Amino acid sequence: MHFPEDTTLWYALHVRTRFEKVVARNLRGKGYEEFLPVYRRVNRWSDRTKEIELPLFPGYVFCRFNSSNRLPILTVPGVNAIVGMGKNLLPVEESELDAIRAVLKSEAYCEPWPFLEVGQKVEVEYGPLAGTQGIVTMFKNTCRLVVSINMLQRSVAVEIDRDCLKPADAVRQKKAQDSRDAMVLSQDF
């Protein structure tokens, strides 16, 4: 895949363990657009409980930049590498990042989830995650939508009402049929 020289795309940065927030802050300070998706978890110790914020994709931070100007990114303390194949950087699909943003914006409980390649791909028909696609699974008697960043082979699961899910192909076919129906109606008038 070849992109024009001035194109800024999203890339995954492999970062030092537990340095995700520091790297994100340093990238932001240098004027880069970064994305560090986090979730909240309650930790319980014998003497107290505390809600902590953890990265959804431990060891990774996403950053938008021009691939021909990667040196400033690589010099940020804590950045180990930019994910790619050899010297070729692999951009992250913006639609996958948008799906993660939609999950976070919904404020539904979510957590890291093992990457799934098999399973039925679904699309959310209504609600705060409308239009989001992912894979449906069941866990502890609750329906979960698993949204993935394929390149990293990492996923996030969010609890969701099963009634708002439809097979992705069915949703796409319904939209196409609605579009054809609208064209037929406009030709009738």
Protein backbone atom coordinates (compact mmCIF):
# COMPACT_ATOMS: atom_id res chain seq x y z
CA MET A 1 0.00 0.00 0.00
CA HIS A 2 1.45 3.37 -1.02
CA PHE A 3 0.29 6.69 0.38
CA PRO A 4 1.10 10.25 -0.78
CA GLU A 5 4.06 11.83 1.02
CA ASP A 6 1.94 14.38 2.94
CA THR A 7 -0.61 11.87 4.27
CA THR A 8 -0.99 11.55 8.03
CA LEU A 9 -2.36 8.18 9.10
CA TRP A 10 -2.86 6.42 12.43
CA TYR A 11 -0.10 4.05 13.52
CA ALA A 12 0.31 1.82 16.56
CA LEU A 13 3.37 2.51 18.68
CA HIS A 14 4.78 -0.34 20.72
CA VAL A 15 5.80 1.27 24.00
CA ARG A 16 7.59 0.29 27.18
CA THR A 17 5.43 -1.57 29.69
CA ARG A 18 3.46 0.80 31.96
CA PHE A 19 4.69 3.85 29.99
CA GLU A 20 1.53 4.27 27.89
CA LYS A 21 0.33 7.43 29.70
CA VAL A 22 3.79 9.02 29.70
CA VAL A 23 4.22 8.37 25.96
CA ALA A 24 0.74 9.75 25.20
CA ARG A 25 1.43 12.88 27.24
CA ASN A 26 4.83 13.42 25.53
CA LEU A 27 3.31 12.96 22.05
CA ARG A 28 0.55 15.45 22.89
CA GLY A 29 3.20 17.87 24.19
CA LYS A 30 5.02 17.66 20.86
CA GLY A 31 1.80 18.52 19.00
CA TYR A 32 0.88 15.03 17.75
CA GLU A 33 -2.64 13.64 17.77
CA GLU A 34 -2.54 10.58 20.04
CA PHE A 35 -5.11 8.08 21.25
CA LEU A 36 -4.69 6.03 24.42
CA PRO A 37 -7.92 4.12 25.09
CA VAL A 38 -8.32 3.34 28.80
CA TYR A 39 -10.84 1.54 30.99
CA ARG A 40 -11.56 1.66 34.72
CA ARG A 41 -11.19 -1.31 37.01
CA VAL A 42 -11.73 -1.63 40.76
CA ASN A 43 -8.78 -3.21 42.57
CA ARG A 44 -9.43 -4.69 45.97
CA TRP A 45 -6.74 -5.16 48.56
CA SER A 46 -7.18 -6.49 52.08
CA ASP A 47 -7.29 -2.97 53.54
CA ARG A 48 -8.87 -0.88 50.73
CA THR A 49 -10.39 -0.68 47.29
CA LYS A 50 -9.41 1.73 44.58
CA GLU A 51 -10.63 2.46 41.06
CA ILE A 52 -7.72 2.57 38.64
CA GLU A 53 -7.43 3.52 34.97
CA LEU A 54 -5.62 1.01 32.74
CA PRO A 55 -4.84 0.93 29.01
CA LEU A 56 -7.22 -1.17 26.90
CA PHE A 57 -4.24 -2.21 24.78
CA PRO A 58 -1.31 -2.60 27.20
CA GLY A 59 1.99 -1.76 25.53
CA TYR A 60 0.44 0.31 22.71
CA VAL A 61 -0.40 3.95 22.01
CA PHE A 62 -1.92 5.16 18.73
CA CYS A 63 -0.57 8.25 16.99
CA ARG A 64 -1.40 10.12 13.78
CA PHE A 65 1.66 11.24 11.83
CA ASN A 66 3.33 11.30 8.43
CA SER A 67 5.31 8.06 8.00
CA SER A 68 8.13 9.86 6.16
CA ASN A 69 8.79 11.88 9.35
CA ARG A 70 8.96 9.09 11.95
CA LEU A 71 12.20 9.98 13.76
CA PRO A 72 10.56 12.48 16.19
CA ILE A 73 8.12 9.72 17.18
CA LEU A 74 10.87 7.16 17.74
CA THR A 75 12.82 9.57 19.98
CA VAL A 76 9.92 9.99 22.44
CA PRO A 77 11.00 8.32 25.72
CA GLY A 78 9.26 4.97 26.14
CA VAL A 79 8.56 4.32 22.42
CA ASN A 80 10.11 0.98 21.41
CA ALA A 81 8.96 0.82 17.78
CA ILE A 82 6.25 1.66 15.29
CA VAL A 83 4.26 -1.45 14.38
CA GLY A 84 4.98 -2.63 10.86
CA MET A 85 6.54 -5.28 8.66
CA GLY A 86 10.29 -4.69 8.52
CA LYS A 87 10.82 -1.07 7.42
CA ASN A 88 7.24 -0.73 6.16
CA LEU A 89 4.91 0.85 8.71
CA LEU A 90 1.39 -0.56 8.84
CA PRO A 91 -1.34 2.04 9.39
CA VAL A 92 -4.24 1.21 11.70
CA GLU A 93 -7.70 1.30 10.11
CA GLU A 94 -9.35 4.52 11.27
CA SER A 95 -12.72 2.73 11.33
CA GLU A 96 -11.34 0.31 13.96
CA LEU A 97 -10.20 3.23 16.14
CA ASP A 98 -13.60 4.90 15.63
CA ALA A 99 -15.27 1.70 16.89
CA ILE A 100 -13.08 1.78 20.03
CA ARG A 101 -13.96 5.47 20.54
CA ALA A 102 -17.68 4.62 20.24
CA VAL A 103 -17.31 1.90 22.88
CA LEU A 104 -15.58 4.33 25.27
CA LYS A 105 -18.10 7.12 24.59
CA SER A 106 -21.02 4.78 25.38
CA GLU A 107 -19.72 4.54 28.96
CA ALA A 108 -20.76 0.88 29.04
CA TYR A 109 -18.47 -1.40 31.00
CA CYS A 110 -15.62 -2.66 28.79
CA GLU A 111 -12.38 -4.53 29.31
CA PRO A 112 -9.54 -6.04 27.26
CA TRP A 113 -10.61 -9.26 25.60
CA PRO A 114 -8.74 -12.06 23.85
CA PHE A 115 -8.57 -11.46 20.09
CA LEU A 116 -11.18 -13.51 18.23
CA GLU A 117 -10.95 -14.43 14.57
CA VAL A 118 -13.96 -16.72 14.52
CA GLY A 119 -17.50 -15.78 15.40
CA GLN A 120 -20.35 -13.92 13.83
CA LYS A 121 -19.65 -10.36 12.76
CA VAL A 122 -22.46 -8.07 13.88
CA GLU A 123 -23.45 -4.44 13.65
CA VAL A 124 -25.24 -2.47 16.35
CA GLU A 125 -28.56 -1.23 14.92
CA TYR A 126 -29.52 1.32 17.60
CA GLY A 127 -28.34 2.85 20.85
CA PRO A 128 -25.11 4.67 21.71
CA LEU A 129 -23.04 2.17 19.67
CA ALA A 130 -25.25 2.32 16.54
CA GLY A 131 -23.23 1.54 13.40
CA THR A 132 -20.38 -0.12 15.32
CA GLN A 133 -19.35 -3.53 13.99
CA GLY A 134 -17.74 -6.32 15.95
CA ILE A 135 -18.08 -9.96 16.94
CA VAL A 136 -20.74 -11.13 19.36
CA THR A 137 -19.94 -13.48 22.23
CA MET A 138 -21.48 -14.54 25.53
CA PHE A 139 -19.67 -14.25 28.85
CA LYS A 140 -21.16 -14.91 32.30
CA ASN A 141 -24.69 -14.83 30.86
CA THR A 142 -24.19 -11.39 29.31
CA CYS A 143 -23.97 -10.55 25.66
CA ARG A 144 -20.75 -8.80 24.68
CA LEU A 145 -19.67 -7.04 21.52
CA VAL A 146 -15.99 -7.63 20.80
CA VAL A 147 -14.32 -4.82 18.83
CA SER A 148 -10.81 -5.48 17.51
CA ILE A 149 -7.69 -3.81 16.21
CA ASN A 150 -6.78 -6.56 13.75
CA MET A 151 -3.19 -5.47 13.14
CA LEU A 152 -2.35 -5.74 16.87
CA GLN A 153 -4.51 -8.82 17.36
CA ARG A 154 -6.06 -7.15 20.40
CA SER A 155 -9.72 -6.78 21.27
CA VAL A 156 -12.09 -4.99 23.65
CA ALA A 157 -15.38 -6.43 24.91
CA VAL A 158 -18.35 -4.26 25.85
CA GLU A 159 -21.60 -5.42 27.44
CA ILE A 160 -24.51 -4.88 25.08
CA ASP A 161 -28.21 -5.66 24.74
CA ARG A 162 -28.53 -8.59 22.32
CA ASP A 163 -31.73 -7.10 20.83
CA CYS A 164 -29.87 -4.22 19.19
CA LEU A 165 -27.50 -6.55 17.28
CA LYS A 166 -28.03 -7.74 13.73
CA PRO A 167 -25.69 -9.76 11.52
CA ALA A 168 -23.42 -7.27 9.71
CA ASP A 169 -24.36 -8.66 6.30
CA ALA A 170 -28.08 -8.35 7.09
CA VAL A 171 -27.68 -4.70 8.12
CA ARG A 172 -25.66 -3.94 4.97
CA GLN A 173 -28.24 -5.76 2.78
CA LYS A 174 -31.13 -3.90 4.48
CA LYS A 175 -29.44 -0.54 3.84
CA ALA A 176 -28.85 -1.49 0.20
CA GLN A 177 -32.49 -2.59 -0.16
CA ASP A 178 -33.73 0.62 1.47
CA SER A 179 -31.56 2.58 -0.95
CA ARG A 180 -32.94 0.63 -3.95
CA ASP A 181 -36.51 1.14 -2.65
CA ALA A 182 -35.90 4.89 -2.34
CA MET A 183 -34.59 5.00 -5.93
CA VAL A 184 -37.64 3.09 -7.20
CA LEU A 185 -39.97 5.44 -5.28
CA SER A 186 -38.26 8.53 -6.70
CA GLN A 187 -38.61 7.13 -10.23
CA ASP A 188 -42.34 6.51 -9.68
CA PHE A 189 -42.99 10.19 -8.93
